[in-house]
Amino acid sequence: MEKKDCERIQTYMRRLFSNTQLRVVGRPKKKDSAEVYLGDEFIGVLFEDKEDGDLSYNFQMAILDTDLEEV
């Protein structure tokens, strides 16, 4: 994913979630996705979706059962 796109999405996600610790980082071997971090912790993948001339982004985050035990 292009650096400028990552920066635009990062700005949007930081504003949406009121959290300046969110980071969107391009993946060197994948041009259609980026990794999302909260601080230093990886939290998910952001995929670029180009369909019928429209562009959108899908954020995918897994929540492990063991993570829920800490709550």
Protein backbone atom coordinates (compact mmCIF):
# COMPACT_ATOMS: atom_id res chain seq x y z
CA MET A 1 0.00 0.00 0.00
CA GLU A 2 1.31 3.46 -0.85
CA LYS A 3 2.78 5.46 2.03
CA LYS A 4 0.41 8.39 1.39
CA ASP A 5 -2.59 6.03 1.61
CA CYS A 6 -1.31 4.58 4.88
CA GLU A 7 -0.93 8.09 6.29
CA ARG A 8 -4.46 9.11 5.23
CA ILE A 9 -5.98 5.97 6.78
CA GLN A 10 -3.86 6.36 9.92
CA THR A 11 -5.13 9.92 10.36
CA TYR A 12 -8.71 8.75 9.89
CA MET A 13 -8.37 5.83 12.35
CA ARG A 14 -6.66 7.99 14.98
CA ARG A 15 -9.50 10.50 14.78
CA LEU A 16 -12.21 7.81 14.70
CA PHE A 17 -10.87 5.93 17.74
CA SER A 18 -9.47 9.02 19.53
CA ASN A 19 -6.09 7.32 19.85
CA THR A 20 -2.81 8.74 18.58
CA GLN A 21 -1.05 5.42 19.29
CA LEU A 22 -2.60 3.77 16.19
CA ARG A 23 -0.11 3.23 13.36
CA VAL A 24 -0.72 2.01 9.81
CA VAL A 25 2.43 0.53 8.26
CA GLY A 26 2.79 -0.74 4.69
CA ARG A 27 3.84 -4.33 4.14
CA PRO A 28 6.99 -4.58 2.00
CA LYS A 29 5.98 -7.73 0.09
CA LYS A 30 2.24 -6.97 -0.19
CA LYS A 31 1.14 -3.93 -2.18
CA ASP A 32 -2.58 -4.24 -1.37
CA SER A 33 -2.44 -4.28 2.43
CA ALA A 34 -0.93 -2.73 5.54
CA GLU A 35 -0.45 -3.70 9.17
CA VAL A 36 -2.16 -1.83 12.01
CA TYR A 37 -0.47 -1.38 15.38
CA LEU A 38 -1.56 0.03 18.71
CA GLY A 39 1.72 1.28 20.10
CA ASP A 40 4.10 -1.62 19.45
CA GLU A 41 1.39 -4.29 19.45
CA PHE A 42 0.15 -5.66 16.12
CA ILE A 43 -3.66 -5.60 16.12
CA GLY A 44 -4.72 -6.34 12.55
CA VAL A 45 -4.41 -6.04 8.79
CA LEU A 46 -5.91 -3.44 6.50
CA PHE A 47 -6.75 -4.60 2.97
CA GLU A 48 -7.28 -2.43 -0.08
CA ASP A 49 -10.38 -3.44 -2.07
CA LYS A 50 -10.72 -2.21 -5.65
CA GLU A 51 -13.99 -3.40 -7.14
CA ASP A 52 -15.94 -1.98 -10.07
CA GLY A 53 -13.81 1.17 -10.05
CA ASP A 54 -14.56 1.84 -6.37
CA LEU A 55 -11.87 1.85 -3.70
CA SER A 56 -12.47 0.86 -0.08
CA TYR A 57 -10.43 -0.51 2.80
CA ASN A 58 -11.25 -3.45 5.07
CA PHE A 59 -9.77 -3.71 8.55
CA GLN A 60 -9.46 -7.25 9.90
CA MET A 61 -8.68 -7.87 13.57
CA ALA A 62 -8.61 -11.22 15.35
CA ILE A 63 -9.53 -11.44 19.03
CA LEU A 64 -8.16 -14.54 20.70
CA ASP A 65 -10.09 -16.30 23.43
CA THR A 66 -7.01 -16.06 25.67
CA ASP A 67 -7.10 -12.27 25.29
CA LEU A 68 -10.63 -12.21 26.71
CA GLU A 69 -9.51 -14.01 29.88
CA GLU A 70 -7.48 -10.94 30.85
CA VAL A 71 -10.57 -8.70 30.87
